[in-house]
Amino acid sequence: MDVARAIETRQSVVKVKQDPVPREMIERILESAVHAPNHRITEPWRFHVFTGRGRGKFARARAETARLLAEAEGEEESLARGRISRERKKAFRAPVVIAVISLAGRDEVETKENYAACCAAVQNMLLTAHALGLGAIWRTGPVAYHENMRRFFGLRDGDSIVGYLYVGYPDMGERARRRRPASEFTVWHEG
């Protein structure tokens, strides 16, 4: 697939089939990530891939985080149970979940640049998945940023969870894209 076409046709795929994705395809997606632009070649990305029963570890961490959030917010027990259940199920909404982590830099500027590089890596991953005929979506939310998830992934100060990519074979049709032209967001400074 032509890269411009991939960029213009890629979309977040919310619903995917539970069919297993071959490891070779996942490895191609990961390999595309490490070719993202990266100032000073710090290679700040780290990936955690959850497939099959391995998603259970991720599900338990999400559920525990939801429990902690509900407790901190003083949520009623019946509501908390529903919240915990929903968070646990999110780990199983795709056959592959890839957590993308950005490592802290040596200073604040490098940390920001590392995070930006990891965002570019995620875009490479999404485009590669699309080119391979897979569907993917980049998700975060309050649970992703909670201290319990940071502990689960063994993050240090300054490290960040960039997002979770849910990957599988699409189980939905294409939707019309809503994008305004670049000209609406552009100011030209010419000589």
N, C-alpha and C. Protein backbone atom coordinates (compact mmCIF):
# COMPACT_ATOMS: atom_id res chain seq x y z
N MET A 1 0.85 -1.18 0.00
CA MET A 1 0.00 0.00 0.00
C MET A 1 0.89 1.24 0.00
N ASP A 2 0.58 2.18 -0.85
CA ASP A 2 1.29 3.45 -0.91
C ASP A 2 1.15 4.16 0.44
N VAL A 3 2.23 4.80 0.92
CA VAL A 3 2.21 5.40 2.26
C VAL A 3 1.17 6.52 2.35
N ALA A 4 1.06 7.35 1.33
CA ALA A 4 0.06 8.42 1.37
C ALA A 4 -1.35 7.83 1.46
N ARG A 5 -1.59 6.78 0.71
CA ARG A 5 -2.91 6.12 0.74
C ARG A 5 -3.17 5.52 2.13
N ALA A 6 -2.14 4.92 2.72
CA ALA A 6 -2.29 4.35 4.07
C ALA A 6 -2.64 5.44 5.08
N ILE A 7 -1.97 6.57 4.99
CA ILE A 7 -2.24 7.67 5.91
C ILE A 7 -3.67 8.17 5.74
N GLU A 8 -4.11 8.31 4.50
CA GLU A 8 -5.44 8.85 4.24
C GLU A 8 -6.57 7.87 4.54
N THR A 9 -6.31 6.58 4.53
CA THR A 9 -7.38 5.60 4.72
C THR A 9 -7.35 4.92 6.09
N ARG A 10 -6.28 5.08 6.84
CA ARG A 10 -6.22 4.47 8.17
C ARG A 10 -7.27 5.08 9.07
N GLN A 11 -7.91 4.26 9.85
CA GLN A 11 -8.88 4.76 10.82
C GLN A 11 -8.84 3.90 12.06
N SER A 12 -9.31 4.43 13.16
CA SER A 12 -9.38 3.66 14.39
C SER A 12 -10.44 2.59 14.22
N VAL A 13 -10.04 1.36 14.46
CA VAL A 13 -10.96 0.22 14.33
C VAL A 13 -11.34 -0.22 15.73
N VAL A 14 -12.57 0.09 16.08
CA VAL A 14 -13.08 -0.17 17.43
C VAL A 14 -13.40 -1.64 17.65
N LYS A 15 -13.87 -2.29 16.59
CA LYS A 15 -14.34 -3.68 16.73
C LYS A 15 -13.48 -4.60 15.87
N VAL A 16 -12.84 -5.57 16.52
CA VAL A 16 -12.02 -6.55 15.81
C VAL A 16 -12.45 -7.95 16.18
N LYS A 17 -12.14 -8.89 15.30
CA LYS A 17 -12.42 -10.31 15.56
C LYS A 17 -11.42 -10.84 16.58
N GLN A 18 -11.77 -11.92 17.22
CA GLN A 18 -10.88 -12.52 18.22
C GLN A 18 -9.90 -13.53 17.61
N ASP A 19 -9.88 -13.63 16.27
CA ASP A 19 -8.94 -14.53 15.61
C ASP A 19 -7.51 -14.16 15.98
N PRO A 20 -6.66 -15.15 16.27
CA PRO A 20 -5.27 -14.85 16.60
C PRO A 20 -4.56 -14.15 15.44
N VAL A 21 -3.66 -13.26 15.78
CA VAL A 21 -2.84 -12.56 14.79
C VAL A 21 -1.47 -13.24 14.82
N PRO A 22 -0.95 -13.65 13.66
CA PRO A 22 0.35 -14.32 13.65
C PRO A 22 1.45 -13.45 14.27
N ARG A 23 2.31 -14.10 15.02
CA ARG A 23 3.41 -13.40 15.70
C ARG A 23 4.25 -12.59 14.71
N GLU A 24 4.45 -13.11 13.50
CA GLU A 24 5.26 -12.41 12.50
C GLU A 24 4.66 -11.04 12.17
N MET A 25 3.34 -10.96 12.14
CA MET A 25 2.68 -9.68 11.85
C MET A 25 2.89 -8.72 13.02
N ILE A 26 2.77 -9.22 14.22
CA ILE A 26 3.00 -8.37 15.40
C ILE A 26 4.44 -7.87 15.41
N GLU A 27 5.38 -8.75 15.07
CA GLU A 27 6.79 -8.35 15.03
C GLU A 27 7.03 -7.29 13.96
N ARG A 28 6.33 -7.37 12.83
CA ARG A 28 6.47 -6.33 11.79
C ARG A 28 5.96 -4.99 12.30
N ILE A 29 4.86 -5.03 13.03
CA ILE A 29 4.31 -3.81 13.62
C ILE A 29 5.32 -3.20 14.59
N LEU A 30 5.90 -4.04 15.45
CA LEU A 30 6.89 -3.55 16.42
C LEU A 30 8.14 -3.02 15.72
N GLU A 31 8.57 -3.71 14.69
CA GLU A 31 9.77 -3.28 13.97
C GLU A 31 9.54 -1.92 13.31
N SER A 32 8.33 -1.68 12.82
CA SER A 32 8.06 -0.37 12.21
C SER A 32 8.16 0.75 13.24
N ALA A 33 7.85 0.45 14.48
CA ALA A 33 7.89 1.46 15.54
C ALA A 33 9.29 2.01 15.75
N VAL A 34 10.27 1.13 15.71
CA VAL A 34 11.64 1.56 16.05
C VAL A 34 12.30 2.35 14.92
N HIS A 35 11.57 2.56 13.83
CA HIS A 35 12.07 3.39 12.74
C HIS A 35 11.49 4.80 12.77
N ALA A 36 10.82 5.13 13.86
CA ALA A 36 10.25 6.47 14.02
C ALA A 36 11.38 7.48 14.22
N PRO A 37 11.14 8.74 13.86
CA PRO A 37 12.14 9.78 14.12
C PRO A 37 12.43 9.85 15.62
N ASN A 38 13.69 10.03 15.94
CA ASN A 38 14.07 10.01 17.35
C ASN A 38 15.31 10.87 17.56
N HIS A 39 15.09 12.07 18.11
CA HIS A 39 16.18 13.01 18.36
C HIS A 39 17.22 12.36 19.28
N ARG A 40 18.46 12.47 18.92
CA ARG A 40 19.60 11.91 19.67
C ARG A 40 19.62 10.39 19.71
N ILE A 41 18.79 9.75 18.95
CA ILE A 41 18.72 8.28 18.89
C ILE A 41 18.71 7.66 20.30
N THR A 42 17.83 8.15 21.15
CA THR A 42 17.73 7.61 22.52
C THR A 42 16.96 6.29 22.57
N GLU A 43 16.23 5.97 21.52
CA GLU A 43 15.41 4.75 21.46
C GLU A 43 14.62 4.55 22.76
N PRO A 44 13.71 5.50 23.03
CA PRO A 44 13.03 5.51 24.33
C PRO A 44 11.85 4.57 24.45
N TRP A 45 11.49 3.88 23.39
CA TRP A 45 10.29 3.05 23.38
C TRP A 45 10.52 1.70 24.03
N ARG A 46 9.52 1.25 24.72
CA ARG A 46 9.47 -0.11 25.26
C ARG A 46 8.07 -0.62 24.99
N PHE A 47 7.97 -1.91 24.71
CA PHE A 47 6.68 -2.50 24.33
C PHE A 47 6.37 -3.70 25.22
N HIS A 48 5.15 -3.81 25.62
CA HIS A 48 4.64 -4.99 26.33
C HIS A 48 3.52 -5.53 25.46
N VAL A 49 3.67 -6.78 25.01
CA VAL A 49 2.68 -7.39 24.11
C VAL A 49 1.90 -8.44 24.89
N PHE A 50 0.59 -8.30 24.87
CA PHE A 50 -0.30 -9.24 25.56
C PHE A 50 -1.14 -9.96 24.50
N THR A 51 -1.03 -11.28 24.47
CA THR A 51 -1.83 -12.10 23.55
C THR A 51 -2.37 -13.29 24.32
N GLY A 52 -3.38 -13.92 23.77
CA GLY A 52 -3.92 -15.14 24.37
C GLY A 52 -4.19 -14.97 25.85
N ARG A 53 -3.75 -15.96 26.63
CA ARG A 53 -3.98 -15.93 28.07
C ARG A 53 -3.13 -14.86 28.76
N GLY A 54 -2.10 -14.39 28.08
CA GLY A 54 -1.26 -13.33 28.63
C GLY A 54 -2.05 -12.05 28.90
N ARG A 55 -3.17 -11.89 28.20
CA ARG A 55 -4.01 -10.72 28.43
C ARG A 55 -4.62 -10.72 29.83
N GLY A 56 -4.63 -11.90 30.47
CA GLY A 56 -5.18 -12.00 31.83
C GLY A 56 -4.41 -11.15 32.82
N LYS A 57 -3.10 -11.09 32.69
CA LYS A 57 -2.28 -10.25 33.58
C LYS A 57 -2.68 -8.78 33.44
N PHE A 58 -2.84 -8.37 32.18
CA PHE A 58 -3.24 -6.99 31.90
C PHE A 58 -4.64 -6.74 32.45
N ALA A 59 -5.54 -7.70 32.29
CA ALA A 59 -6.91 -7.57 32.79
C ALA A 59 -6.93 -7.40 34.30
N ARG A 60 -6.14 -8.19 35.00
CA ARG A 60 -6.10 -8.08 36.47
C ARG A 60 -5.57 -6.72 36.91
N ALA A 61 -4.54 -6.22 36.23
CA ALA A 61 -3.99 -4.91 36.58
C ALA A 61 -5.01 -3.81 36.33
N ARG A 62 -5.74 -3.90 35.23
CA ARG A 62 -6.78 -2.90 34.92
C ARG A 62 -7.89 -2.96 35.96
N ALA A 63 -8.30 -4.17 36.31
CA ALA A 63 -9.39 -4.32 37.29
C ALA A 63 -8.97 -3.75 38.65
N GLU A 64 -7.75 -4.04 39.07
CA GLU A 64 -7.27 -3.53 40.35
C GLU A 64 -7.19 -2.01 40.33
N THR A 65 -6.77 -1.46 39.21
CA THR A 65 -6.71 0.00 39.08
C THR A 65 -8.11 0.60 39.16
N ALA A 66 -9.07 -0.02 38.51
CA ALA A 66 -10.45 0.45 38.57
C ALA A 66 -10.97 0.39 40.00
N ARG A 67 -10.61 -0.67 40.72
CA ARG A 67 -11.03 -0.78 42.12
C ARG A 67 -10.45 0.36 42.95
N LEU A 68 -9.17 0.65 42.74
CA LEU A 68 -8.52 1.73 43.48
C LEU A 68 -9.14 3.09 43.16
N LEU A 69 -9.46 3.32 41.88
CA LEU A 69 -10.10 4.57 41.49
C LEU A 69 -11.48 4.70 42.12
N ALA A 70 -12.26 3.61 42.09
CA ALA A 70 -13.60 3.63 42.67
C ALA A 70 -13.53 3.89 44.18
N GLU A 71 -12.57 3.27 44.82
CA GLU A 71 -12.38 3.46 46.26
C GLU A 71 -12.01 4.91 46.58
N ALA A 72 -11.08 5.46 45.81
CA ALA A 72 -10.63 6.83 46.03
C ALA A 72 -11.77 7.84 45.80
N GLU A 73 -12.68 7.50 44.90
CA GLU A 73 -13.80 8.40 44.58
C GLU A 73 -15.02 8.13 45.45
N GLY A 74 -14.92 7.14 46.35
CA GLY A 74 -16.04 6.82 47.23
C GLY A 74 -17.24 6.28 46.48
N GLU A 75 -16.97 5.55 45.41
CA GLU A 75 -18.05 5.04 44.56
C GLU A 75 -18.82 3.94 45.29
N GLU A 76 -20.11 3.91 45.11
CA GLU A 76 -20.99 2.90 45.68
C GLU A 76 -20.54 1.51 45.21
N GLU A 77 -20.65 0.51 46.06
CA GLU A 77 -20.11 -0.82 45.78
C GLU A 77 -20.65 -1.44 44.49
N SER A 78 -21.95 -1.34 44.25
CA SER A 78 -22.52 -1.94 43.03
C SER A 78 -21.98 -1.24 41.78
N LEU A 79 -21.81 0.06 41.83
CA LEU A 79 -21.24 0.79 40.70
C LEU A 79 -19.77 0.42 40.52
N ALA A 80 -19.06 0.27 41.62
CA ALA A 80 -17.64 -0.10 41.56
C ALA A 80 -17.47 -1.47 40.92
N ARG A 81 -18.35 -2.43 41.26
CA ARG A 81 -18.25 -3.76 40.66
C ARG A 81 -18.39 -3.68 39.14
N GLY A 82 -19.35 -2.89 38.67
CA GLY A 82 -19.53 -2.72 37.23
C GLY A 82 -18.31 -2.08 36.58
N ARG A 83 -17.76 -1.09 37.23
CA ARG A 83 -16.57 -0.40 36.71
C ARG A 83 -15.39 -1.36 36.61
N ILE A 84 -15.20 -2.16 37.65
CA ILE A 84 -14.11 -3.13 37.68
C ILE A 84 -14.28 -4.16 36.57
N SER A 85 -15.50 -4.64 36.39
CA SER A 85 -15.78 -5.62 35.35
C SER A 85 -15.51 -5.06 33.96
N ARG A 86 -15.96 -3.83 33.72
CA ARG A 86 -15.73 -3.19 32.41
C ARG A 86 -14.23 -3.04 32.12
N GLU A 87 -13.48 -2.64 33.12
CA GLU A 87 -12.03 -2.46 32.91
C GLU A 87 -11.35 -3.80 32.64
N ARG A 88 -11.75 -4.83 33.34
CA ARG A 88 -11.17 -6.17 33.11
C ARG A 88 -11.43 -6.62 31.68
N LYS A 89 -12.66 -6.42 31.21
CA LYS A 89 -13.04 -6.86 29.87
C LYS A 89 -12.27 -6.14 28.77
N LYS A 90 -11.85 -4.93 29.01
CA LYS A 90 -11.14 -4.15 27.99
C LYS A 90 -9.86 -4.83 27.54
N ALA A 91 -9.26 -5.61 28.41
CA ALA A 91 -8.02 -6.33 28.05
C ALA A 91 -8.28 -7.41 27.00
N PHE A 92 -9.55 -7.79 26.84
CA PHE A 92 -9.89 -8.88 25.91
C PHE A 92 -10.66 -8.39 24.68
N ARG A 93 -10.70 -7.09 24.44
CA ARG A 93 -11.46 -6.61 23.29
C ARG A 93 -10.72 -6.79 21.98
N ALA A 94 -9.47 -7.22 22.04
CA ALA A 94 -8.69 -7.53 20.83
C ALA A 94 -7.76 -8.69 21.16
N PRO A 95 -7.38 -9.47 20.14
CA PRO A 95 -6.48 -10.59 20.40
C PRO A 95 -5.05 -10.16 20.75
N VAL A 96 -4.71 -8.92 20.41
CA VAL A 96 -3.38 -8.39 20.72
C VAL A 96 -3.53 -7.02 21.36
N VAL A 97 -2.87 -6.82 22.49
CA VAL A 97 -2.79 -5.51 23.12
C VAL A 97 -1.31 -5.19 23.28
N ILE A 98 -0.92 -4.04 22.77
CA ILE A 98 0.47 -3.61 22.89
C ILE A 98 0.51 -2.33 23.71
N ALA A 99 1.17 -2.39 24.85
CA ALA A 99 1.38 -1.19 25.66
C ALA A 99 2.67 -0.54 25.18
N VAL A 100 2.61 0.76 24.92
CA VAL A 100 3.79 1.51 24.47
C VAL A 100 4.21 2.42 25.61
N ILE A 101 5.45 2.27 26.00
CA ILE A 101 6.03 3.02 27.11
C ILE A 101 7.12 3.95 26.58
N SER A 102 7.18 5.16 27.13
CA SER A 102 8.25 6.10 26.80
C SER A 102 9.14 6.26 28.03
N LEU A 103 10.43 6.04 27.85
CA LEU A 103 11.37 6.20 28.95
C LEU A 103 11.72 7.67 29.16
N ALA A 104 11.99 8.02 30.40
CA ALA A 104 12.41 9.37 30.73
C ALA A 104 13.76 9.66 30.08
N GLY A 105 13.97 10.92 29.77
CA GLY A 105 15.25 11.36 29.23
C GLY A 105 16.16 11.85 30.35
N ARG A 106 17.30 12.37 29.94
CA ARG A 106 18.26 12.89 30.93
C ARG A 106 17.83 14.21 31.52
N ASP A 107 16.89 14.88 30.87
CA ASP A 107 16.37 16.16 31.37
C ASP A 107 14.95 16.31 30.85
N GLU A 108 14.31 17.42 31.20
CA GLU A 108 12.91 17.63 30.83
C GLU A 108 12.72 17.69 29.32
N VAL A 109 13.64 18.35 28.61
CA VAL A 109 13.51 18.46 27.16
C VAL A 109 13.63 17.09 26.51
N GLU A 110 14.62 16.31 26.90
CA GLU A 110 14.79 14.98 26.30
C GLU A 110 13.60 14.09 26.63
N THR A 111 13.03 14.22 27.82
CA THR A 111 11.84 13.44 28.18
C THR A 111 10.68 13.77 27.25
N LYS A 112 10.48 15.06 26.95
CA LYS A 112 9.41 15.45 26.02
C LYS A 112 9.70 14.93 24.62
N GLU A 113 10.96 15.02 24.20
CA GLU A 113 11.32 14.53 22.87
C GLU A 113 11.14 13.02 22.78
N ASN A 114 11.45 12.31 23.86
CA ASN A 114 11.25 10.86 23.89
C ASN A 114 9.77 10.52 23.73
N TYR A 115 8.92 11.25 24.43
CA TYR A 115 7.49 11.00 24.35
C TYR A 115 6.99 11.26 22.93
N ALA A 116 7.46 12.35 22.33
CA ALA A 116 7.07 12.65 20.95
C ALA A 116 7.52 11.55 20.00
N ALA A 117 8.73 11.03 20.21
CA ALA A 117 9.23 9.94 19.37
C ALA A 117 8.35 8.70 19.52
N CYS A 118 7.90 8.43 20.73
CA CYS A 118 7.04 7.27 20.96
C CYS A 118 5.67 7.46 20.31
N CYS A 119 5.18 8.70 20.27
CA CYS A 119 3.93 8.97 19.56
C CYS A 119 4.12 8.71 18.07
N ALA A 120 5.27 9.11 17.53
CA ALA A 120 5.56 8.82 16.12
C ALA A 120 5.66 7.31 15.91
N ALA A 121 6.22 6.60 16.87
CA ALA A 121 6.32 5.14 16.79
C ALA A 121 4.93 4.52 16.74
N VAL A 122 4.00 5.05 17.54
CA VAL A 122 2.63 4.55 17.54
C VAL A 122 2.00 4.76 16.17
N GLN A 123 2.23 5.91 15.57
CA GLN A 123 1.68 6.16 14.23
C GLN A 123 2.24 5.14 13.23
N ASN A 124 3.54 4.87 13.30
CA ASN A 124 4.12 3.85 12.42
C ASN A 124 3.42 2.50 12.64
N MET A 125 3.17 2.17 13.89
CA MET A 125 2.53 0.89 14.22
C MET A 125 1.12 0.83 13.65
N LEU A 126 0.37 1.91 13.80
CA LEU A 126 -1.00 1.94 13.29
C LEU A 126 -1.03 1.83 11.77
N LEU A 127 -0.11 2.53 11.11
CA LEU A 127 -0.05 2.47 9.65
C LEU A 127 0.38 1.08 9.17
N THR A 128 1.32 0.47 9.86
CA THR A 128 1.77 -0.87 9.49
C THR A 128 0.64 -1.88 9.68
N ALA A 129 -0.06 -1.80 10.80
CA ALA A 129 -1.20 -2.69 11.02
C ALA A 129 -2.21 -2.54 9.89
N HIS A 130 -2.51 -1.31 9.52
CA HIS A 130 -3.46 -1.03 8.44
C HIS A 130 -2.97 -1.64 7.12
N ALA A 131 -1.70 -1.44 6.81
CA ALA A 131 -1.13 -1.97 5.57
C ALA A 131 -1.16 -3.50 5.54
N LEU A 132 -1.12 -4.13 6.71
CA LEU A 132 -1.17 -5.59 6.81
C LEU A 132 -2.60 -6.13 6.81
N GLY A 133 -3.58 -5.23 6.70
CA GLY A 133 -4.97 -5.67 6.70
C GLY A 133 -5.56 -5.85 8.08
N LEU A 134 -4.87 -5.32 9.08
CA LEU A 134 -5.35 -5.41 10.45
C LEU A 134 -6.04 -4.11 10.84
N GLY A 135 -6.82 -4.19 11.87
CA GLY A 135 -7.43 -2.99 12.45
C GLY A 135 -6.77 -2.72 13.78
N ALA A 136 -6.68 -1.45 14.14
CA ALA A 136 -6.07 -1.10 15.42
C ALA A 136 -6.66 0.21 15.92
N ILE A 137 -6.57 0.38 17.23
CA ILE A 137 -6.99 1.63 17.86
C ILE A 137 -6.04 1.93 19.00
N TRP A 138 -5.75 3.20 19.18
CA TRP A 138 -4.85 3.70 20.23
C TRP A 138 -5.73 4.22 21.35
N ARG A 139 -5.58 3.64 22.54
CA ARG A 139 -6.41 4.02 23.69
C ARG A 139 -5.55 4.39 24.89
N THR A 140 -6.12 5.26 25.73
CA THR A 140 -5.50 5.57 27.03
C THR A 140 -6.64 5.64 28.05
N GLY A 141 -6.84 6.78 28.67
CA GLY A 141 -7.88 6.95 29.68
C GLY A 141 -7.29 6.97 31.07
N PRO A 142 -8.10 7.31 32.08
CA PRO A 142 -7.61 7.46 33.45
C PRO A 142 -6.85 6.25 33.98
N VAL A 143 -7.32 5.05 33.63
CA VAL A 143 -6.65 3.84 34.13
C VAL A 143 -5.21 3.76 33.62
N ALA A 144 -4.97 4.21 32.40
CA ALA A 144 -3.62 4.13 31.82
C ALA A 144 -2.62 4.97 32.60
N TYR A 145 -3.07 6.04 33.22
CA TYR A 145 -2.15 6.96 33.87
C TYR A 145 -2.06 6.77 35.38
N HIS A 146 -2.79 5.82 35.90
CA HIS A 146 -2.82 5.60 37.35
C HIS A 146 -1.52 4.98 37.84
N GLU A 147 -1.16 5.30 39.05
CA GLU A 147 0.08 4.80 39.66
C GLU A 147 0.14 3.27 39.69
N ASN A 148 -1.00 2.63 39.86
CA ASN A 148 -1.00 1.16 39.87
C ASN A 148 -0.53 0.58 38.54
N MET A 149 -0.93 1.20 37.43
CA MET A 149 -0.47 0.73 36.12
C MET A 149 1.01 1.04 35.94
N ARG A 150 1.46 2.15 36.47
CA ARG A 150 2.89 2.47 36.42
C ARG A 150 3.69 1.38 37.14
N ARG A 151 3.19 0.95 38.30
CA ARG A 151 3.87 -0.14 39.04
C ARG A 151 3.82 -1.44 38.25
N PHE A 152 2.67 -1.73 37.66
CA PHE A 152 2.51 -2.95 36.88
C PHE A 152 3.58 -3.04 35.79
N PHE A 153 3.84 -1.92 35.11
CA PHE A 153 4.84 -1.91 34.04
C PHE A 153 6.25 -1.62 34.54
N GLY A 154 6.41 -1.39 35.83
CA GLY A 154 7.75 -1.15 36.38
C GLY A 154 8.34 0.18 35.94
N LEU A 155 7.50 1.21 35.82
CA LEU A 155 7.98 2.51 35.35
C LEU A 155 8.73 3.26 36.45
N ARG A 156 9.71 4.02 36.00
CA ARG A 156 10.47 4.89 36.90
C ARG A 156 9.94 6.32 36.77
N ASP A 157 10.43 7.21 37.62
CA ASP A 157 10.05 8.62 37.52
C ASP A 157 10.36 9.12 36.12
N GLY A 158 9.41 9.80 35.53
CA GLY A 158 9.60 10.38 34.20
C GLY A 158 9.21 9.46 33.05
N ASP A 159 9.11 8.14 33.30
CA ASP A 159 8.63 7.23 32.27
C ASP A 159 7.12 7.45 32.11
N SER A 160 6.60 7.16 30.92
CA SER A 160 5.18 7.37 30.65
C SER A 160 4.58 6.23 29.86
N ILE A 161 3.31 5.98 30.13
CA ILE A 161 2.54 5.09 29.27
C ILE A 161 1.99 5.97 28.16
N VAL A 162 2.38 5.68 26.93
CA VAL A 162 1.94 6.46 25.78
C VAL A 162 0.55 6.00 25.35
N GLY A 163 0.31 4.72 25.45
CA GLY A 163 -1.01 4.21 25.09
C GLY A 163 -1.02 2.71 24.94
N TYR A 164 -2.21 2.21 24.75
CA TYR A 164 -2.44 0.80 24.49
C TYR A 164 -2.98 0.69 23.07
N LEU A 165 -2.36 -0.16 22.28
CA LEU A 165 -2.85 -0.43 20.92
C LEU A 165 -3.57 -1.76 20.94
N TYR A 166 -4.84 -1.75 20.54
CA TYR A 166 -5.64 -2.96 20.43
C TYR A 166 -5.63 -3.34 18.96
N VAL A 167 -5.17 -4.55 18.66
CA VAL A 167 -4.93 -4.96 17.27
C VAL A 167 -5.63 -6.28 16.97
N GLY A 168 -6.24 -6.36 15.80
CA GLY A 168 -6.87 -7.60 15.35
C GLY A 168 -7.39 -7.42 13.93
N TYR A 169 -8.07 -8.43 13.44
CA TYR A 169 -8.68 -8.34 12.12
C TYR A 169 -9.98 -7.55 12.24
N PRO A 170 -10.19 -6.55 11.39
CA PRO A 170 -11.38 -5.71 11.50
C PRO A 170 -12.68 -6.52 11.47
N ASP A 171 -13.63 -6.11 12.29
CA ASP A 171 -14.95 -6.71 12.31
C ASP A 171 -15.99 -5.60 12.16
N MET A 172 -15.67 -4.67 11.28
CA MET A 172 -16.55 -3.54 10.99
C MET A 172 -16.14 -2.96 9.65
N GLY A 173 -17.06 -2.27 9.01
CA GLY A 173 -16.75 -1.64 7.74
C GLY A 173 -16.05 -0.30 7.93
N GLU A 174 -15.57 0.24 6.82
CA GLU A 174 -14.95 1.56 6.87
C GLU A 174 -16.02 2.61 7.12
N ARG A 175 -15.62 3.65 7.81
CA ARG A 175 -16.51 4.78 8.07
C ARG A 175 -15.98 5.99 7.31
N ALA A 176 -16.86 6.93 7.03
CA ALA A 176 -16.42 8.17 6.41
C ALA A 176 -15.49 8.89 7.38
N ARG A 177 -14.42 9.42 6.86
CA ARG A 177 -13.47 10.15 7.71
C ARG A 177 -13.88 11.60 7.81
N ARG A 178 -13.73 12.14 8.99
CA ARG A 178 -14.04 13.55 9.21
C ARG A 178 -12.73 14.29 9.43
N ARG A 179 -12.20 14.85 8.38
CA ARG A 179 -10.97 15.62 8.47
C ARG A 179 -11.13 16.89 7.66
N ARG A 180 -10.84 18.00 8.27
CA ARG A 180 -10.84 19.26 7.54
C ARG A 180 -9.50 19.39 6.82
N PRO A 181 -9.46 20.14 5.73
CA PRO A 181 -8.21 20.27 4.98
C PRO A 181 -7.14 21.02 5.79
N ALA A 182 -5.89 20.68 5.53
CA ALA A 182 -4.75 21.29 6.22
C ALA A 182 -4.76 22.81 6.07
N SER A 183 -5.28 23.31 4.97
CA SER A 183 -5.30 24.75 4.73
C SER A 183 -6.04 25.52 5.82
N GLU A 184 -6.98 24.87 6.50
CA GLU A 184 -7.72 25.53 7.58
C GLU A 184 -6.89 25.70 8.84
N PHE A 185 -5.75 25.02 8.91
CA PHE A 185 -4.92 25.07 10.11
C PHE A 185 -3.54 25.66 9.84
N THR A 186 -3.35 26.21 8.65
CA THR A 186 -2.01 26.60 8.21
C THR A 186 -1.87 28.09 8.03
N VAL A 187 -0.77 28.64 8.54
CA VAL A 187 -0.37 30.02 8.29
C VAL A 187 0.92 29.95 7.52
N TRP A 188 0.95 30.54 6.34
CA TRP A 188 2.15 30.54 5.51
C TRP A 188 2.98 31.79 5.81
N HIS A 189 4.27 31.63 5.98
CA HIS A 189 5.21 32.74 6.16
C HIS A 189 6.17 32.66 4.99
N GLU A 190 5.97 33.51 4.02
CA GLU A 190 6.78 33.44 2.80
C GLU A 190 7.56 34.73 2.60
N GLY A 191 8.64 34.61 1.83
CA GLY A 191 9.53 35.73 1.59
C GLY A 191 9.05 36.73 0.61
